[in-house]
């Protein structure tokens, strides 16, 4: 039950983060952990296809440090940034894959 709730929260947070504007998420340690988990999952997806951007991992590490320092607002902001980078990297991968397949 707890795992299902976490996954549902993660999906909800990921959809909120996917909007073009930064979602206003309450700065709680729980939300910071969910945001970081969403960023890590997106980063793994992009890394699996070999298209992870250079700084995404560093941003996630900074988000974890902010979370450990009890700065949930900063952790969420950084995690959202890393999530956006991973989403954009995957879009770039898809575009490049499509462009190559046309030749």
PDB file of N, CA and C in Angstrom:
ATOM      1  N   UNK A   1       0.817  -1.191   0.000  1.00  0.00           N
ATOM      2  CA  UNK A   1       0.000   0.000   0.000  1.00  0.00           C
ATOM      3  C   UNK A   1       0.862   1.257   0.000  1.00  0.00           C
ATOM      4  N   UNK A   2       1.878   1.251   0.845  1.00  0.00           N
ATOM      5  CA  UNK A   2       2.748   2.412   0.961  1.00  0.00           C
ATOM      6  C   UNK A   2       3.539   2.631  -0.343  1.00  0.00           C
ATOM      7  N   UNK A   3       3.979   1.524  -0.949  1.00  0.00           N
ATOM      8  CA  UNK A   3       4.724   1.613  -2.201  1.00  0.00           C
ATOM      9  C   UNK A   3       3.819   2.143  -3.315  1.00  0.00           C
ATOM     10  N   UNK A   4       2.592   1.702  -3.353  1.00  0.00           N
ATOM     11  CA  UNK A   4       1.642   2.176  -4.366  1.00  0.00           C
ATOM     12  C   UNK A   4       1.366   3.665  -4.188  1.00  0.00           C
ATOM     13  N   UNK A   5       1.245   4.105  -2.960  1.00  0.00           N
ATOM     14  CA  UNK A   5       1.026   5.523  -2.681  1.00  0.00           C
ATOM     15  C   UNK A   5       2.234   6.349  -3.122  1.00  0.00           C
ATOM     16  N   UNK A   6       3.428   5.829  -2.865  1.00  0.00           N
ATOM     17  CA  UNK A   6       4.639   6.524  -3.278  1.00  0.00           C
ATOM     18  C   UNK A   6       4.702   6.637  -4.798  1.00  0.00           C
ATOM     19  N   UNK A   7       4.391   5.563  -5.498  1.00  0.00           N
ATOM     20  CA  UNK A   7       4.424   5.575  -6.963  1.00  0.00           C
ATOM     21  C   UNK A   7       3.375   6.530  -7.513  1.00  0.00           C
ATOM     22  N   UNK A   8       2.207   6.544  -6.909  1.00  0.00           N
ATOM     23  CA  UNK A   8       1.164   7.475  -7.354  1.00  0.00           C
ATOM     24  C   UNK A   8       1.601   8.918  -7.112  1.00  0.00           C
ATOM     25  N   UNK A   9       2.219   9.171  -5.973  1.00  0.00           N
ATOM     26  CA  UNK A   9       2.721  10.517  -5.678  1.00  0.00           C
ATOM     27  C   UNK A   9       3.816  10.912  -6.654  1.00  0.00           C
ATOM     28  N   UNK A  10       4.669   9.968  -6.980  1.00  0.00           N
ATOM     29  CA  UNK A  10       5.749  10.219  -7.928  1.00  0.00           C
ATOM     30  C   UNK A  10       5.186  10.558  -9.305  1.00  0.00           C
ATOM     31  N   UNK A  11       4.181   9.826  -9.739  1.00  0.00           N
ATOM     32  CA  UNK A  11       3.565  10.101 -11.034  1.00  0.00           C
ATOM     33  C   UNK A  11       2.881  11.457 -11.039  1.00  0.00           C
ATOM     34  N   UNK A  12       2.213  11.789  -9.958  1.00  0.00           N
ATOM     35  CA  UNK A  12       1.544  13.083  -9.855  1.00  0.00           C
ATOM     36  C   UNK A  12       2.561  14.215  -9.881  1.00  0.00           C
ATOM     37  N   UNK A  13       3.646  14.051  -9.154  1.00  0.00           N
ATOM     38  CA  UNK A  13       4.683  15.074  -9.128  1.00  0.00           C
ATOM     39  C   UNK A  13       5.339  15.213 -10.496  1.00  0.00           C
ATOM     40  N   UNK A  14       5.596  14.101 -11.149  1.00  0.00           N
ATOM     41  CA  UNK A  14       6.222  14.152 -12.470  1.00  0.00           C
ATOM     42  C   UNK A  14       5.321  14.877 -13.466  1.00  0.00           C
ATOM     43  N   UNK A  15       4.012  14.643 -13.380  1.00  0.00           N
ATOM     44  CA  UNK A  15       3.108  15.330 -14.304  1.00  0.00           C
ATOM     45  C   UNK A  15       3.040  16.825 -13.977  1.00  0.00           C
ATOM     46  N   UNK A  16       3.130  17.164 -12.710  1.00  0.00           N
ATOM     47  CA  UNK A  16       3.134  18.578 -12.333  1.00  0.00           C
ATOM     48  C   UNK A  16       4.419  19.256 -12.787  1.00  0.00           C
ATOM     49  N   UNK A  17       5.523  18.526 -12.721  1.00  0.00           N
ATOM     50  CA  UNK A  17       6.810  19.081 -13.129  1.00  0.00           C
ATOM     51  C   UNK A  17       6.934  19.184 -14.638  1.00  0.00           C
ATOM     52  N   UNK A  18       6.140  18.437 -15.355  1.00  0.00           N
ATOM     53  CA  UNK A  18       6.257  18.403 -16.811  1.00  0.00           C
ATOM     54  C   UNK A  18       5.671  19.637 -17.479  1.00  0.00           C
ATOM     55  N   UNK A  19       4.941  20.436 -16.746  1.00  0.00           N
ATOM     56  CA  UNK A  19       4.363  21.635 -17.340  1.00  0.00           C
ATOM     57  C   UNK A  19       5.470  22.610 -17.694  1.00  0.00           C
ATOM     58  N   UNK A  20       5.163  23.559 -18.566  1.00  0.00           N
ATOM     59  CA  UNK A  20       6.194  24.493 -19.024  1.00  0.00           C
ATOM     60  C   UNK A  20       6.613  25.456 -17.919  1.00  0.00           C
ATOM     61  N   UNK A  21       5.769  25.698 -16.956  1.00  0.00           N
ATOM     62  CA  UNK A  21       6.124  26.555 -15.842  1.00  0.00           C
ATOM     63  C   UNK A  21       6.430  25.687 -14.635  1.00  0.00           C
ATOM     64  N   UNK A  22       7.288  26.195 -13.778  1.00  0.00           N
ATOM     65  CA  UNK A  22       7.643  25.451 -12.579  1.00  0.00           C
ATOM     66  C   UNK A  22       6.430  25.336 -11.671  1.00  0.00           C
ATOM     67  N   UNK A  23       6.107  24.106 -11.307  1.00  0.00           N
ATOM     68  CA  UNK A  23       4.956  23.864 -10.445  1.00  0.00           C
ATOM     69  C   UNK A  23       5.276  24.319  -9.027  1.00  0.00           C
ATOM     70  N   UNK A  24       4.296  24.896  -8.368  1.00  0.00           N
ATOM     71  CA  UNK A  24       4.466  25.310  -6.977  1.00  0.00           C
ATOM     72  C   UNK A  24       4.110  24.125  -6.083  1.00  0.00           C
ATOM     73  N   UNK A  25       5.127  23.507  -5.550  1.00  0.00           N
ATOM     74  CA  UNK A  25       4.958  22.341  -4.703  1.00  0.00           C
ATOM     75  C   UNK A  25       5.308  22.756  -3.282  1.00  0.00           C
ATOM     76  N   UNK A  26       4.487  22.398  -2.303  1.00  0.00           N
ATOM     77  CA  UNK A  26       4.812  22.737  -0.919  1.00  0.00           C
ATOM     78  C   UNK A  26       6.184  22.181  -0.534  1.00  0.00           C
ATOM     79  N   UNK A  27       6.980  23.003   0.086  1.00  0.00           N
ATOM     80  CA  UNK A  27       8.351  22.630   0.449  1.00  0.00           C
ATOM     81  C   UNK A  27       8.352  21.793   1.715  1.00  0.00           C
ATOM     82  N   UNK A  28       8.157  20.507   1.534  1.00  0.00           N
ATOM     83  CA  UNK A  28       8.229  19.571   2.652  1.00  0.00           C
ATOM     84  C   UNK A  28       9.310  18.546   2.343  1.00  0.00           C
ATOM     85  N   UNK A  29       9.870  17.920   3.367  1.00  0.00           N
ATOM     86  CA  UNK A  29      10.876  16.880   3.112  1.00  0.00           C
ATOM     87  C   UNK A  29      10.341  15.731   2.261  1.00  0.00           C
ATOM     88  N   UNK A  30       9.070  15.397   2.445  1.00  0.00           N
ATOM     89  CA  UNK A  30       8.470  14.318   1.660  1.00  0.00           C
ATOM     90  C   UNK A  30       8.394  14.692   0.182  1.00  0.00           C
ATOM     91  N   UNK A  31       7.972  15.921  -0.104  1.00  0.00           N
ATOM     92  CA  UNK A  31       7.892  16.371  -1.489  1.00  0.00           C
ATOM     93  C   UNK A  31       9.276  16.484  -2.112  1.00  0.00           C
ATOM     94  N   UNK A  32      10.256  16.881  -1.328  1.00  0.00           N
ATOM     95  CA  UNK A  32      11.626  16.944  -1.833  1.00  0.00           C
ATOM     96  C   UNK A  32      12.105  15.545  -2.223  1.00  0.00           C
ATOM     97  N   UNK A  33      11.817  14.566  -1.379  1.00  0.00           N
ATOM     98  CA  UNK A  33      12.227  13.185  -1.677  1.00  0.00           C
ATOM     99  C   UNK A  33      11.541  12.670  -2.937  1.00  0.00           C
ATOM    100  N   UNK A  34      10.269  12.991  -3.100  1.00  0.00           N
ATOM    101  CA  UNK A  34       9.528  12.561  -4.288  1.00  0.00           C
ATOM    102  C   UNK A  34      10.079  13.246  -5.537  1.00  0.00           C
ATOM    103  N   UNK A  35      10.366  14.538  -5.434  1.00  0.00           N
ATOM    104  CA  UNK A  35      10.911  15.280  -6.573  1.00  0.00           C
ATOM    105  C   UNK A  35      12.272  14.722  -6.987  1.00  0.00           C
ATOM    106  N   UNK A  36      13.096  14.415  -6.009  1.00  0.00           N
ATOM    107  CA  UNK A  36      14.415  13.851  -6.305  1.00  0.00           C
ATOM    108  C   UNK A  36      14.267  12.468  -6.938  1.00  0.00           C
ATOM    109  N   UNK A  37      13.352  11.667  -6.432  1.00  0.00           N
ATOM    110  CA  UNK A  37      13.127  10.338  -7.008  1.00  0.00           C
ATOM    111  C   UNK A  37      12.643  10.442  -8.457  1.00  0.00           C
ATOM    112  N   UNK A  38      11.781  11.402  -8.738  1.00  0.00           N
ATOM    113  CA  UNK A  38      11.292  11.597 -10.109  1.00  0.00           C
ATOM    114  C   UNK A  38      12.437  12.020 -11.024  1.00  0.00           C
ATOM    115  N   UNK A  39      13.294  12.908 -10.540  1.00  0.00           N
ATOM    116  CA  UNK A  39      14.442  13.356 -11.333  1.00  0.00           C
ATOM    117  C   UNK A  39      15.409  12.199 -11.591  1.00  0.00           C
ATOM    118  N   UNK A  40      15.625  11.380 -10.588  1.00  0.00           N
ATOM    119  CA  UNK A  40      16.522  10.233 -10.756  1.00  0.00           C
ATOM    120  C   UNK A  40      15.951   9.229 -11.753  1.00  0.00           C
ATOM    121  N   UNK A  41      14.650   8.983 -11.682  1.00  0.00           N
ATOM    122  CA  UNK A  41      14.025   8.041 -12.610  1.00  0.00           C
ATOM    123  C   UNK A  41      14.134   8.539 -14.051  1.00  0.00           C
ATOM    124  N   UNK A  42      13.873   9.815 -14.257  1.00  0.00           N
ATOM    125  CA  UNK A  42      13.975  10.389 -15.603  1.00  0.00           C
ATOM    126  C   UNK A  42      15.424  10.351 -16.088  1.00  0.00           C
ATOM    127  N   UNK A  43      16.358  10.603 -15.185  1.00  0.00           N
ATOM    128  CA  UNK A  43      17.770  10.576 -15.540  1.00  0.00           C
ATOM    129  C   UNK A  43      18.205   9.166 -15.942  1.00  0.00           C
ATOM    130  N   UNK A  44      17.727   8.166 -15.228  1.00  0.00           N
ATOM    131  CA  UNK A  44      18.046   6.774 -15.579  1.00  0.00           C
ATOM    132  C   UNK A  44      17.497   6.419 -16.954  1.00  0.00           C
ATOM    133  N   UNK A  45      16.294   6.899 -17.268  1.00  0.00           N
ATOM    134  CA  UNK A  45      15.668   6.627 -18.564  1.00  0.00           C
ATOM    135  C   UNK A  45      16.544   7.180 -19.692  1.00  0.00           C
ATOM    136  N   UNK A  46      17.041   8.397 -19.521  1.00  0.00           N
ATOM    137  CA  UNK A  46      17.869   9.027 -20.551  1.00  0.00           C
ATOM    138  C   UNK A  46      19.248   8.359 -20.597  1.00  0.00           C
ATOM    139  N   UNK A  47      19.789   8.014 -19.443  1.00  0.00           N
ATOM    140  CA  UNK A  47      21.098   7.353 -19.409  1.00  0.00           C
ATOM    141  C   UNK A  47      21.033   6.000 -20.116  1.00  0.00           C
ATOM    142  N   UNK A  48      19.896   5.336 -20.033  1.00  0.00           N
ATOM    143  CA  UNK A  48      19.740   4.025 -20.669  1.00  0.00           C
ATOM    144  C   UNK A  48      19.873   4.097 -22.187  1.00  0.00           C
ATOM    145  N   UNK A  49      19.545   5.247 -22.769  1.00  0.00           N
ATOM    146  CA  UNK A  49      19.682   5.405 -24.223  1.00  0.00           C
ATOM    147  C   UNK A  49      20.953   6.178 -24.580  1.00  0.00           C
ATOM    148  N   UNK A  50      21.764   6.491 -23.571  1.00  0.00           N
ATOM    149  CA  UNK A  50      23.041   7.138 -23.802  1.00  0.00           C
ATOM    150  C   UNK A  50      22.956   8.609 -24.153  1.00  0.00           C
ATOM    151  N   UNK A  51      21.955   9.288 -23.627  1.00  0.00           N
ATOM    152  CA  UNK A  51      21.756  10.683 -24.004  1.00  0.00           C
ATOM    153  C   UNK A  51      21.650  11.617 -22.801  1.00  0.00           C
ATOM    154  N   UNK A  52      22.175  11.212 -21.670  1.00  0.00           N
ATOM    155  CA  UNK A  52      22.092  12.034 -20.462  1.00  0.00           C
ATOM    156  C   UNK A  52      22.970  13.278 -20.611  1.00  0.00           C
ATOM    157  N   UNK A  53      22.448  14.405 -20.247  1.00  0.00           N
ATOM    158  CA  UNK A  53      23.215  15.643 -20.319  1.00  0.00           C
ATOM    159  C   UNK A  53      24.254  15.683 -19.202  1.00  0.00           C
ATOM    160  N   UNK A  54      25.300  16.441 -19.431  1.00  0.00           N
ATOM    161  CA  UNK A  54      26.464  16.476 -18.552  1.00  0.00           C
ATOM    162  C   UNK A  54      26.135  16.857 -17.104  1.00  0.00           C
ATOM    163  N   UNK A  55      25.352  17.882 -16.894  1.00  0.00           N
ATOM    164  CA  UNK A  55      25.165  18.426 -15.547  1.00  0.00           C
ATOM    165  C   UNK A  55      23.980  17.859 -14.773  1.00  0.00           C
ATOM    166  N   UNK A  56      23.179  17.030 -15.396  1.00  0.00           N
ATOM    167  CA  UNK A  56      21.971  16.530 -14.722  1.00  0.00           C
ATOM    168  C   UNK A  56      22.310  15.803 -13.422  1.00  0.00           C
ATOM    169  N   UNK A  57      23.302  14.927 -13.461  1.00  0.00           N
ATOM    170  CA  UNK A  57      23.702  14.191 -12.254  1.00  0.00           C
ATOM    171  C   UNK A  57      24.199  15.115 -11.155  1.00  0.00           C
ATOM    172  N   UNK A  58      24.916  16.160 -11.553  1.00  0.00           N
ATOM    173  CA  UNK A  58      25.417  17.133 -10.575  1.00  0.00           C
ATOM    174  C   UNK A  58      24.258  17.890  -9.921  1.00  0.00           C
ATOM    175  N   UNK A  59      23.246  18.207 -10.706  1.00  0.00           N
ATOM    176  CA  UNK A  59      22.088  18.925 -10.166  1.00  0.00           C
ATOM    177  C   UNK A  59      21.332  18.036  -9.184  1.00  0.00           C
ATOM    178  N   UNK A  60      21.195  16.753  -9.520  1.00  0.00           N
ATOM    179  CA  UNK A  60      20.528  15.818  -8.610  1.00  0.00           C
ATOM    180  C   UNK A  60      21.325  15.691  -7.318  1.00  0.00           C
ATOM    181  N   UNK A  61      22.642  15.630  -7.424  1.00  0.00           N
ATOM    182  CA  UNK A  61      23.485  15.560  -6.219  1.00  0.00           C
ATOM    183  C   UNK A  61      23.304  16.810  -5.357  1.00  0.00           C
ATOM    184  N   UNK A  62      23.207  17.964  -5.995  1.00  0.00           N
ATOM    185  CA  UNK A  62      22.974  19.207  -5.254  1.00  0.00           C
ATOM    186  C   UNK A  62      21.603  19.199  -4.583  1.00  0.00           C
ATOM    187  N   UNK A  63      20.614  18.634  -5.266  1.00  0.00           N
ATOM    188  CA  UNK A  63      19.275  18.529  -4.679  1.00  0.00           C
ATOM    189  C   UNK A  63      19.301  17.638  -3.436  1.00  0.00           C
ATOM    190  N   UNK A  64      20.044  16.545  -3.511  1.00  0.00           N
ATOM    191  CA  UNK A  64      20.169  15.648  -2.355  1.00  0.00           C
ATOM    192  C   UNK A  64      20.856  16.346  -1.185  1.00  0.00           C
ATOM    193  N   UNK A  65      21.882  17.144  -1.484  1.00  0.00           N
ATOM    194  CA  UNK A  65      22.576  17.887  -0.421  1.00  0.00           C
ATOM    195  C   UNK A  65      21.642  18.909   0.222  1.00  0.00           C
ATOM    196  N   UNK A  66      20.855  19.593  -0.605  1.00  0.00           N
ATOM    197  CA  UNK A  66      19.909  20.570  -0.066  1.00  0.00           C
ATOM    198  C   UNK A  66      18.861  19.877   0.800  1.00  0.00           C
ATOM    199  N   UNK A  67      18.420  18.707   0.361  1.00  0.00           N
ATOM    200  CA  UNK A  67      17.440  17.957   1.144  1.00  0.00           C
ATOM    201  C   UNK A  67      18.034  17.522   2.481  1.00  0.00           C
ATOM    202  N   UNK A  68      19.279  17.068   2.449  1.00  0.00           N
ATOM    203  CA  UNK A  68      19.945  16.652   3.685  1.00  0.00           C
ATOM    204  C   UNK A  68      20.145  17.831   4.631  1.00  0.00           C
ATOM    205  N   UNK A  69      20.292  19.024   4.055  1.00  0.00           N
ATOM    206  CA  UNK A  69      20.460  20.236   4.867  1.00  0.00           C
ATOM    207  C   UNK A  69      19.115  20.830   5.294  1.00  0.00           C
ATOM    208  N   UNK A  70      18.043  20.099   5.037  1.00  0.00           N
ATOM    209  CA  UNK A  70      16.671  20.504   5.408  1.00  0.00           C
ATOM    210  C   UNK A  70      16.190  21.732   4.627  1.00  0.00           C
ATOM    211  N   UNK A  71      16.753  21.961   3.439  1.00  0.00           N
ATOM    212  CA  UNK A  71      16.303  23.050   2.571  1.00  0.00           C
ATOM    213  C   UNK A  71      15.432  22.441   1.469  1.00  0.00           C
ATOM    214  N   UNK A  72      14.205  22.108   1.833  1.00  0.00           N
ATOM    215  CA  UNK A  72      13.300  21.407   0.921  1.00  0.00           C
ATOM    216  C   UNK A  72      12.955  22.238  -0.308  1.00  0.00           C
ATOM    217  N   UNK A  73      12.799  23.538  -0.148  1.00  0.00           N
ATOM    218  CA  UNK A  73      12.455  24.388  -1.297  1.00  0.00           C
ATOM    219  C   UNK A  73      13.559  24.342  -2.347  1.00  0.00           C
ATOM    220  N   UNK A  74      14.796  24.449  -1.910  1.00  0.00           N
ATOM    221  CA  UNK A  74      15.915  24.401  -2.844  1.00  0.00           C
ATOM    222  C   UNK A  74      16.035  23.014  -3.468  1.00  0.00           C
ATOM    223  N   UNK A  75      15.826  21.981  -2.674  1.00  0.00           N
ATOM    224  CA  UNK A  75      15.906  20.607  -3.178  1.00  0.00           C
ATOM    225  C   UNK A  75      14.866  20.367  -4.265  1.00  0.00           C
ATOM    226  N   UNK A  76      13.655  20.847  -4.043  1.00  0.00           N
ATOM    227  CA  UNK A  76      12.591  20.673  -5.034  1.00  0.00           C
ATOM    228  C   UNK A  76      12.922  21.450  -6.301  1.00  0.00           C
ATOM    229  N   UNK A  77      13.384  22.668  -6.145  1.00  0.00           N
ATOM    230  CA  UNK A  77      13.731  23.489  -7.309  1.00  0.00           C
ATOM    231  C   UNK A  77      14.810  22.812  -8.148  1.00  0.00           C
ATOM    232  N   UNK A  78      15.847  22.313  -7.500  1.00  0.00           N
ATOM    233  CA  UNK A  78      16.922  21.640  -8.215  1.00  0.00           C
ATOM    234  C   UNK A  78      16.448  20.338  -8.858  1.00  0.00           C
ATOM    235  N   UNK A  79      15.623  19.589  -8.133  1.00  0.00           N
ATOM    236  CA  UNK A  79      15.111  18.332  -8.687  1.00  0.00           C
ATOM    237  C   UNK A  79      14.235  18.597  -9.914  1.00  0.00           C
ATOM    238  N   UNK A  80      13.435  19.648  -9.866  1.00  0.00           N
ATOM    239  CA  UNK A  80      12.617  20.003 -11.026  1.00  0.00           C
ATOM    240  C   UNK A  80      13.500  20.394 -12.210  1.00  0.00           C
ATOM    241  N   UNK A  81      14.585  21.093 -11.942  1.00  0.00           N
ATOM    242  CA  UNK A  81      15.515  21.474 -13.002  1.00  0.00           C
ATOM    243  C   UNK A  81      16.126  20.222 -13.642  1.00  0.00           C
ATOM    244  N   UNK A  82      16.548  19.282 -12.823  1.00  0.00           N
ATOM    245  CA  UNK A  82      17.137  18.043 -13.332  1.00  0.00           C
ATOM    246  C   UNK A  82      16.098  17.236 -14.122  1.00  0.00           C
ATOM    247  N   UNK A  83      14.861  17.230 -13.635  1.00  0.00           N
ATOM    248  CA  UNK A  83      13.797  16.525 -14.351  1.00  0.00           C
ATOM    249  C   UNK A  83      13.565  17.140 -15.725  1.00  0.00           C
ATOM    250  N   UNK A  84      13.513  18.472 -15.787  1.00  0.00           N
ATOM    251  CA  UNK A  84      13.336  19.152 -17.077  1.00  0.00           C
ATOM    252  C   UNK A  84      14.494  18.848 -18.014  1.00  0.00           C
ATOM    253  N   UNK A  85      15.705  18.829 -17.492  1.00  0.00           N
ATOM    254  CA  UNK A  85      16.853  18.511 -18.334  1.00  0.00           C
ATOM    255  C   UNK A  85      16.737  17.099 -18.904  1.00  0.00           C
ATOM    256  N   UNK A  86      16.329  16.166 -18.090  1.00  0.00           N
ATOM    257  CA  UNK A  86      16.185  14.786 -18.564  1.00  0.00           C
ATOM    258  C   UNK A  86      15.075  14.674 -19.609  1.00  0.00           C
ATOM    259  N   UNK A  87      13.979  15.363 -19.375  1.00  0.00           N
ATOM    260  CA  UNK A  87      12.887  15.334 -20.356  1.00  0.00           C
ATOM    261  C   UNK A  87      13.345  15.949 -21.673  1.00  0.00           C
ATOM    262  N   UNK A  88      14.060  17.065 -21.608  1.00  0.00           N
ATOM    263  CA  UNK A  88      14.556  17.708 -22.823  1.00  0.00           C
ATOM    264  C   UNK A  88      15.610  16.847 -23.516  1.00  0.00           C
ATOM    265  N   UNK A  89      16.446  16.183 -22.745  1.00  0.00           N
ATOM    266  CA  UNK A  89      17.454  15.295 -23.324  1.00  0.00           C
ATOM    267  C   UNK A  89      16.777  14.138 -24.058  1.00  0.00           C
ATOM    268  N   UNK A  90      15.704  13.617 -23.490  1.00  0.00           N
ATOM    269  CA  UNK A  90      15.008  12.506 -24.156  1.00  0.00           C
ATOM    270  C   UNK A  90      14.330  12.990 -25.439  1.00  0.00           C
ATOM    271  N   UNK A  91      13.785  14.196 -25.414  1.00  0.00           N
ATOM    272  CA  UNK A  91      13.209  14.767 -26.638  1.00  0.00           C
ATOM    273  C   UNK A  91      14.292  14.927 -27.697  1.00  0.00           C
ATOM    274  N   UNK A  92      15.463  15.394 -27.286  1.00  0.00           N
ATOM    275  CA  UNK A  92      16.578  15.559 -28.209  1.00  0.00           C
ATOM    276  C   UNK A  92      16.989  14.205 -28.787  1.00  0.00           C
ATOM    277  N   UNK A  93      17.052  13.197 -27.944  1.00  0.00           N
ATOM    278  CA  UNK A  93      17.380  11.846 -28.402  1.00  0.00           C
ATOM    279  C   UNK A  93      16.375  11.380 -29.455  1.00  0.00           C
ATOM    280  N   UNK A  94      15.097  11.567 -29.181  1.00  0.00           N
ATOM    281  CA  UNK A  94      14.056  11.126 -30.114  1.00  0.00           C
ATOM    282  C   UNK A  94      14.165  11.867 -31.446  1.00  0.00           C
ATOM    283  N   UNK A  95      14.432  13.160 -31.392  1.00  0.00           N
ATOM    284  CA  UNK A  95      14.577  13.940 -32.620  1.00  0.00           C
ATOM    285  C   UNK A  95      15.794  13.481 -33.417  1.00  0.00           C
ATOM    286  N   UNK A  96      16.896  13.242 -32.748  1.00  0.00           N
ATOM    287  CA  UNK A  96      18.100  12.793 -33.438  1.00  0.00           C
ATOM    288  C   UNK A  96      17.908  11.398 -34.037  1.00  0.00           C
ATOM    289  N   UNK A  97      17.228  10.551 -33.302  1.00  0.00           N
ATOM    290  CA  UNK A  97      16.967   9.194 -33.789  1.00  0.00           C
ATOM    291  C   UNK A  97      16.107   9.251 -35.049  1.00  0.00           C
ATOM    292  N   UNK A  98      15.100  10.120 -35.035  1.00  0.00           N
ATOM    293  CA  UNK A  98      14.217  10.280 -36.195  1.00  0.00           C
ATOM    294  C   UNK A  98      14.981  10.857 -37.379  1.00  0.00           C
ATOM    295  N   UNK A  99      15.833  11.832 -37.116  1.00  0.00           N
ATOM    296  CA  UNK A  99      16.600  12.465 -38.188  1.00  0.00           C
ATOM    297  C   UNK A  99      17.555  11.456 -38.839  1.00  0.00           C
ATOM    298  N   UNK A 100      18.192  10.625 -38.048  1.00  0.00           N
ATOM    299  CA  UNK A 100      19.121   9.624 -38.573  1.00  0.00           C
ATOM    300  C   UNK A 100      18.380   8.575 -39.382  1.00  0.00           C
ATOM    301  N   UNK A 101      17.189   8.209 -38.937  1.00  0.00           N
ATOM    302  CA  UNK A 101      16.437   7.160 -39.641  1.00  0.00           C
ATOM    303  C   UNK A 101      15.945   7.615 -41.010  1.00  0.00           C
ATOM    304  N   UNK A 102      15.923   8.913 -41.263  1.00  0.00           N
ATOM    305  CA  UNK A 102      15.485   9.414 -42.562  1.00  0.00           C
ATOM    306  C   UNK A 102      16.560   9.277 -43.627  1.00  0.00           C
ATOM    307  N   UNK A 103      17.799   9.035 -43.203  1.00  0.00           N
ATOM    308  CA  UNK A 103      18.889   8.927 -44.178  1.00  0.00           C
ATOM    309  C   UNK A 103      19.138   7.513 -44.569  1.00  0.00           C
TER     310      UNK A 103
END
